[in-house]
């Protein structure tokens, strides 16, 4: 299959209402914010959601979470050894097989470091795959307000042989009242040629971005509290790119409307996309 034929840049606008878009485990799972109150969603979090959308669409994924696992392998090592055991002793064969097998590997890359399955002393595999799809963290356009609520958690009483449940354990639940987040990404044709990433794979990325929050609800992110408002997809005319990614990304401007100090919804923002000569620009609205 032919690899990616042209450079691609993209941007995604995400609206958050009364949800925790990405909790920080080192800070009591509070929503991630910078020192000046700007909300953040890590690139790792975004890639996790994309991997889940790949799985929903029926594509093979190497890095699966426990609650989204679709095969019998309990971990990454077992999955690699179980699916690619015939290629474990040859670095190039292993890299090629891993990229052909798993969409997330040929998209985002992966580091593999495993012992040989043949039992030969000193044999094994250590492979680093650089993926062509790079994704920035998402940042809110304006500072976000975080509401923290004390809750009562019902937990099992281990001291009771009957396993009764108590209601005296207190906890905290955090949410962003409102935030408009933006993140950017690019797809590099040179790295795509190394992993076998194709134009068809790029279409999968695009569709997955549009449907980023499908099947993603939880108690921290109730259904409908996270929404993709827009996906902007720029296609360059050639593999090298007509403009730098930085210039292309600046074509999207998102800001709070003049006179509004505390935005509450999407209508409180100005969103504009400058035209770039020679660049095909597609805008997909939230569905």
Protein backbone atom coordinates (compact mmCIF):
# COMPACT_ATOMS: atom_id res chain seq x y z
CA UNK A 1 0.00 0.00 0.00
CA UNK A 2 1.25 3.46 -0.88
CA UNK A 3 2.14 5.62 2.09
CA UNK A 4 0.85 9.12 2.89
CA UNK A 5 1.07 11.28 -0.22
CA UNK A 6 0.87 14.77 1.32
CA UNK A 7 1.56 16.53 4.57
CA UNK A 8 -1.44 17.11 6.82
CA UNK A 9 -2.06 19.51 9.68
CA UNK A 10 -5.16 19.61 11.86
CA UNK A 11 -6.75 21.42 14.79
CA UNK A 12 -9.60 20.43 17.08
CA UNK A 13 -11.85 22.68 19.18
CA UNK A 14 -13.37 20.94 22.22
CA UNK A 15 -16.12 22.38 24.43
CA UNK A 16 -16.29 21.18 28.05
CA UNK A 17 -19.27 21.81 30.32
CA UNK A 18 -19.42 20.48 33.89
CA UNK A 19 -16.86 17.73 33.34
CA UNK A 20 -13.35 16.76 34.33
CA UNK A 21 -11.63 16.51 30.93
CA UNK A 22 -8.31 15.17 32.26
CA UNK A 23 -7.67 14.65 35.96
CA UNK A 24 -4.19 14.93 37.44
CA UNK A 25 -3.46 11.87 39.66
CA UNK A 26 -0.71 13.81 41.46
CA UNK A 27 -3.20 16.51 42.47
CA UNK A 28 -6.18 14.57 43.79
CA UNK A 29 -7.48 14.05 40.23
CA UNK A 30 -8.31 17.74 39.89
CA UNK A 31 -8.58 18.96 36.29
CA UNK A 32 -5.18 19.91 34.93
CA UNK A 33 -4.50 23.64 34.87
CA UNK A 34 -1.46 25.87 34.46
CA UNK A 35 -0.32 28.41 37.06
CA UNK A 36 -2.43 31.08 35.36
CA UNK A 37 -5.59 28.96 35.35
CA UNK A 38 -5.48 27.74 31.75
CA UNK A 39 -7.01 24.28 31.47
CA UNK A 40 -5.01 21.45 29.91
CA UNK A 41 -5.70 18.03 28.39
CA UNK A 42 -2.52 16.02 27.89
CA UNK A 43 -1.54 14.61 24.52
CA UNK A 44 -1.42 11.15 26.16
CA UNK A 45 -5.08 11.51 27.15
CA UNK A 46 -6.04 12.54 23.60
CA UNK A 47 -4.15 9.59 22.09
CA UNK A 48 -5.89 7.22 24.52
CA UNK A 49 -9.26 8.40 23.26
CA UNK A 50 -8.11 8.07 19.65
CA UNK A 51 -6.97 4.49 20.30
CA UNK A 52 -10.40 3.71 21.73
CA UNK A 53 -12.07 5.11 18.63
CA UNK A 54 -9.76 2.94 16.50
CA UNK A 55 -10.99 -0.08 18.44
CA UNK A 56 -14.62 1.00 18.01
CA UNK A 57 -14.03 1.10 14.25
CA UNK A 58 -12.60 -2.43 14.26
CA UNK A 59 -8.90 -1.62 13.86
CA UNK A 60 -6.12 -3.46 15.67
CA UNK A 61 -4.56 -1.48 18.52
CA UNK A 62 -1.46 -2.38 20.52
CA UNK A 63 -1.86 -0.11 23.58
CA UNK A 64 -5.23 -1.10 25.01
CA UNK A 65 -6.56 0.02 28.39
CA UNK A 66 -7.96 -2.53 30.83
CA UNK A 67 -11.53 -1.30 30.38
CA UNK A 68 -11.23 -1.22 26.58
CA UNK A 69 -9.36 -4.49 26.00
CA UNK A 70 -10.68 -6.58 23.13
CA UNK A 71 -8.28 -9.54 23.19
CA UNK A 72 -7.05 -12.11 25.71
CA UNK A 73 -3.68 -10.47 26.42
CA UNK A 74 -3.36 -8.92 29.91
CA UNK A 75 -0.44 -6.62 28.98
CA UNK A 76 1.70 -5.14 26.23
CA UNK A 77 4.48 -7.72 26.51
CA UNK A 78 2.06 -10.64 26.18
CA UNK A 79 0.35 -8.96 23.22
CA UNK A 80 3.65 -8.38 21.41
CA UNK A 81 4.92 -11.90 22.07
CA UNK A 82 1.59 -13.51 21.22
CA UNK A 83 0.99 -11.69 17.94
CA UNK A 84 4.57 -11.29 16.66
CA UNK A 85 6.42 -14.24 18.17
CA UNK A 86 7.82 -15.23 14.78
CA UNK A 87 9.57 -11.86 14.41
CA UNK A 88 11.03 -11.35 17.89
CA UNK A 89 14.64 -12.12 16.94
CA UNK A 90 14.93 -9.74 14.01
CA UNK A 91 14.67 -6.01 14.61
CA UNK A 92 13.62 -4.97 11.11
CA UNK A 93 11.11 -7.80 10.72
CA UNK A 94 9.61 -7.01 14.10
CA UNK A 95 9.28 -3.30 13.34
CA UNK A 96 7.62 -3.97 10.00
CA UNK A 97 5.25 -6.56 11.43
CA UNK A 98 4.26 -4.31 14.35
CA UNK A 99 3.46 -1.39 12.03
CA UNK A 100 1.44 -3.61 9.72
CA UNK A 101 -0.46 -5.19 12.61
CA UNK A 102 -1.39 -2.22 14.79
CA UNK A 103 -2.78 1.13 13.64
CA UNK A 104 -1.65 3.01 16.76
CA UNK A 105 1.96 1.82 16.30
CA UNK A 106 2.23 3.05 12.73
CA UNK A 107 0.42 6.27 13.73
CA UNK A 108 1.96 7.33 17.06
CA UNK A 109 4.99 5.07 17.27
CA UNK A 110 5.97 2.76 20.12
CA UNK A 111 8.95 1.55 22.11
CA UNK A 112 9.41 -2.24 22.28
CA UNK A 113 12.02 -3.86 24.53
CA UNK A 114 11.44 -7.57 25.01
CA UNK A 115 13.39 -10.76 25.51
CA UNK A 116 13.64 -13.33 22.75
CA UNK A 117 11.05 -16.10 22.57
CA UNK A 118 13.67 -18.54 21.29
CA UNK A 119 15.53 -18.70 24.60
CA UNK A 120 18.87 -17.75 23.06
CA UNK A 121 21.15 -16.00 25.52
CA UNK A 122 21.57 -12.34 24.64
CA UNK A 123 18.87 -12.51 21.97
CA UNK A 124 15.79 -10.33 22.05
CA UNK A 125 14.31 -7.23 20.55
CA UNK A 126 14.69 -3.53 21.29
CA UNK A 127 12.84 -1.41 18.76
CA UNK A 128 11.76 2.20 18.79
CA UNK A 129 9.18 3.18 16.18
CA UNK A 130 8.75 6.90 15.44
CA UNK A 131 5.18 7.58 14.36
CA UNK A 132 4.17 10.25 11.85
CA UNK A 133 1.19 11.58 13.84
CA UNK A 134 2.16 14.20 16.42
CA UNK A 135 -0.44 15.74 18.74
CA UNK A 136 -0.07 18.74 21.04
CA UNK A 137 -1.71 19.01 24.46
CA UNK A 138 -5.01 20.88 24.44
CA UNK A 139 -5.22 24.23 26.24
CA UNK A 140 -8.27 26.29 27.12
CA UNK A 141 -8.76 29.63 25.41
CA UNK A 142 -9.52 31.36 28.72
CA UNK A 143 -8.85 30.46 32.35
CA UNK A 144 -11.26 27.81 33.65
CA UNK A 145 -13.21 27.71 36.89
CA UNK A 146 -12.97 24.45 38.84
CA UNK A 147 -15.77 23.40 41.20
CA UNK A 148 -14.92 20.83 43.87
CA UNK A 149 -17.72 18.94 45.60
CA UNK A 150 -17.46 16.70 48.62
CA UNK A 151 -19.15 13.36 48.04
CA UNK A 152 -19.95 10.27 50.06
CA UNK A 153 -18.50 7.07 48.68
CA UNK A 154 -20.11 3.71 49.45
CA UNK A 155 -17.39 1.16 50.07
CA UNK A 156 -17.25 -2.42 51.28
CA UNK A 157 -16.58 -2.87 55.00
CA UNK A 158 -13.72 -5.38 55.09
CA UNK A 159 -14.16 -5.93 58.80
CA UNK A 160 -17.66 -7.30 58.32
CA UNK A 161 -17.93 -10.96 57.30
CA UNK A 162 -21.24 -10.19 55.62
CA UNK A 163 -19.58 -7.69 53.29
CA UNK A 164 -21.99 -4.91 54.14
CA UNK A 165 -21.45 -1.55 52.55
CA UNK A 166 -20.84 1.58 54.54
CA UNK A 167 -21.61 5.16 53.53
CA UNK A 168 -19.23 7.01 55.78
CA UNK A 169 -16.25 7.41 53.42
CA UNK A 170 -15.84 10.95 52.17
CA UNK A 171 -14.26 11.96 48.90
CA UNK A 172 -13.98 14.85 46.46
CA UNK A 173 -15.25 15.27 42.92
CA UNK A 174 -13.97 18.03 40.65
CA UNK A 175 -15.26 19.55 37.42
CA UNK A 176 -14.57 22.36 34.98
CA UNK A 177 -17.71 24.50 34.82
CA UNK A 178 -16.97 25.59 31.26
CA UNK A 179 -13.96 25.61 29.00
CA UNK A 180 -13.16 25.79 25.32
CA UNK A 181 -10.00 23.81 24.55
CA UNK A 182 -7.94 23.76 21.35
CA UNK A 183 -5.27 21.29 20.28
CA UNK A 184 -3.22 20.88 17.12
CA UNK A 185 -1.47 18.08 15.30
CA UNK A 186 0.43 17.13 12.17
CA UNK A 187 1.10 14.07 10.04
CA UNK A 188 4.62 13.79 8.65
CA UNK A 189 5.08 12.08 5.28
CA UNK A 190 8.73 11.14 5.85
CA UNK A 191 7.92 9.20 9.02
CA UNK A 192 4.79 7.80 7.36
CA UNK A 193 7.00 6.18 4.74
CA UNK A 194 8.89 4.40 7.54
CA UNK A 195 5.82 2.96 9.27
CA UNK A 196 3.57 2.39 6.26
CA UNK A 197 1.03 5.01 7.35
CA UNK A 198 -1.28 5.64 4.37
CA UNK A 199 -3.84 8.11 3.08
CA UNK A 200 -6.54 5.68 4.28
CA UNK A 201 -5.01 5.77 7.76
CA UNK A 202 -5.17 9.58 7.68
CA UNK A 203 -8.91 9.34 6.98
CA UNK A 204 -9.28 7.12 10.03
CA UNK A 205 -7.49 9.74 12.13
CA UNK A 206 -9.83 12.43 10.81
CA UNK A 207 -12.99 10.44 11.56
CA UNK A 208 -11.67 9.50 15.00
CA UNK A 209 -11.05 13.17 15.84
CA UNK A 210 -14.60 14.07 14.83
CA UNK A 211 -15.96 11.27 17.05
CA UNK A 212 -13.37 11.72 19.80
CA UNK A 213 -15.82 11.48 22.71
CA UNK A 214 -18.07 8.68 21.47
CA UNK A 215 -18.36 5.93 24.11
CA UNK A 216 -16.18 8.03 26.44
CA UNK A 217 -18.62 8.93 29.19
CA UNK A 218 -17.91 8.34 32.87
CA UNK A 219 -18.95 9.78 36.21
CA UNK A 220 -16.32 12.48 35.66
CA UNK A 221 -17.43 13.10 32.07
CA UNK A 222 -21.20 12.60 31.79
CA UNK A 223 -22.62 11.96 28.35
CA UNK A 224 -22.80 15.25 26.45
CA UNK A 225 -20.43 17.17 28.72
CA UNK A 226 -17.51 16.85 26.27
CA UNK A 227 -18.07 17.84 22.64
CA UNK A 228 -15.94 18.30 19.55
CA UNK A 229 -17.09 21.64 18.19
CA UNK A 230 -14.87 21.75 15.09
CA UNK A 231 -12.13 19.80 13.37
CA UNK A 232 -10.01 21.82 10.93
CA UNK A 233 -8.12 19.64 8.44
CA UNK A 234 -5.41 21.17 6.25
CA UNK A 235 -3.97 19.18 3.33
CA UNK A 236 -0.76 20.44 1.71
CA UNK A 237 -0.29 19.99 -2.06
CA UNK A 238 2.89 17.92 -1.64
CA UNK A 239 4.74 15.71 0.81
CA UNK A 240 7.09 18.46 2.05
CA UNK A 241 4.35 20.93 2.94
CA UNK A 242 3.76 24.38 1.46
CA UNK A 243 4.02 26.18 4.83
CA UNK A 244 5.39 25.28 8.24
CA UNK A 245 2.99 23.60 10.65
CA UNK A 246 3.28 26.60 12.99
CA UNK A 247 2.04 28.98 10.29
CA UNK A 248 -0.80 26.65 9.31
CA UNK A 249 -1.91 26.25 12.92
CA UNK A 250 -1.97 30.05 13.34
CA UNK A 251 -4.59 30.20 10.59
CA UNK A 252 -7.08 29.16 13.26
CA UNK A 253 -7.78 31.96 15.72
CA UNK A 254 -10.00 31.39 18.74
CA UNK A 255 -10.59 34.10 21.33
CA UNK A 256 -13.13 35.43 23.79
CA UNK A 257 -15.44 38.06 22.32
CA UNK A 258 -14.78 41.65 23.25
CA UNK A 259 -16.60 42.73 26.38
CA UNK A 260 -16.98 39.20 27.78
CA UNK A 261 -14.87 38.45 30.85
CA UNK A 262 -16.39 35.11 31.89
CA UNK A 263 -17.34 32.98 28.87
CA UNK A 264 -20.10 30.46 29.52
CA UNK A 265 -20.66 28.89 26.12
CA UNK A 266 -19.47 28.58 22.53
CA UNK A 267 -21.34 31.76 21.53
CA UNK A 268 -19.01 33.78 23.76
CA UNK A 269 -16.02 33.11 21.46
CA UNK A 270 -14.83 34.41 18.12
CA UNK A 271 -13.56 31.66 15.82
CA UNK A 272 -11.91 32.46 12.49
CA UNK A 273 -9.90 30.46 9.95
CA UNK A 274 -7.64 32.38 7.59
CA UNK A 275 -7.35 31.17 4.01
CA UNK A 276 -3.95 29.78 3.01
CA UNK A 277 -3.10 29.81 -0.68
CA UNK A 278 -2.47 26.35 -2.06
CA UNK A 279 -3.75 24.57 1.06
CA UNK A 280 -6.97 22.56 1.01
CA UNK A 281 -8.90 23.44 4.15
CA UNK A 282 -11.81 21.36 5.39
CA UNK A 283 -13.88 22.22 8.46
CA UNK A 284 -16.03 19.61 10.14
CA UNK A 285 -18.63 20.83 12.62
CA UNK A 286 -19.64 18.87 15.67
CA UNK A 287 -22.39 16.42 14.84
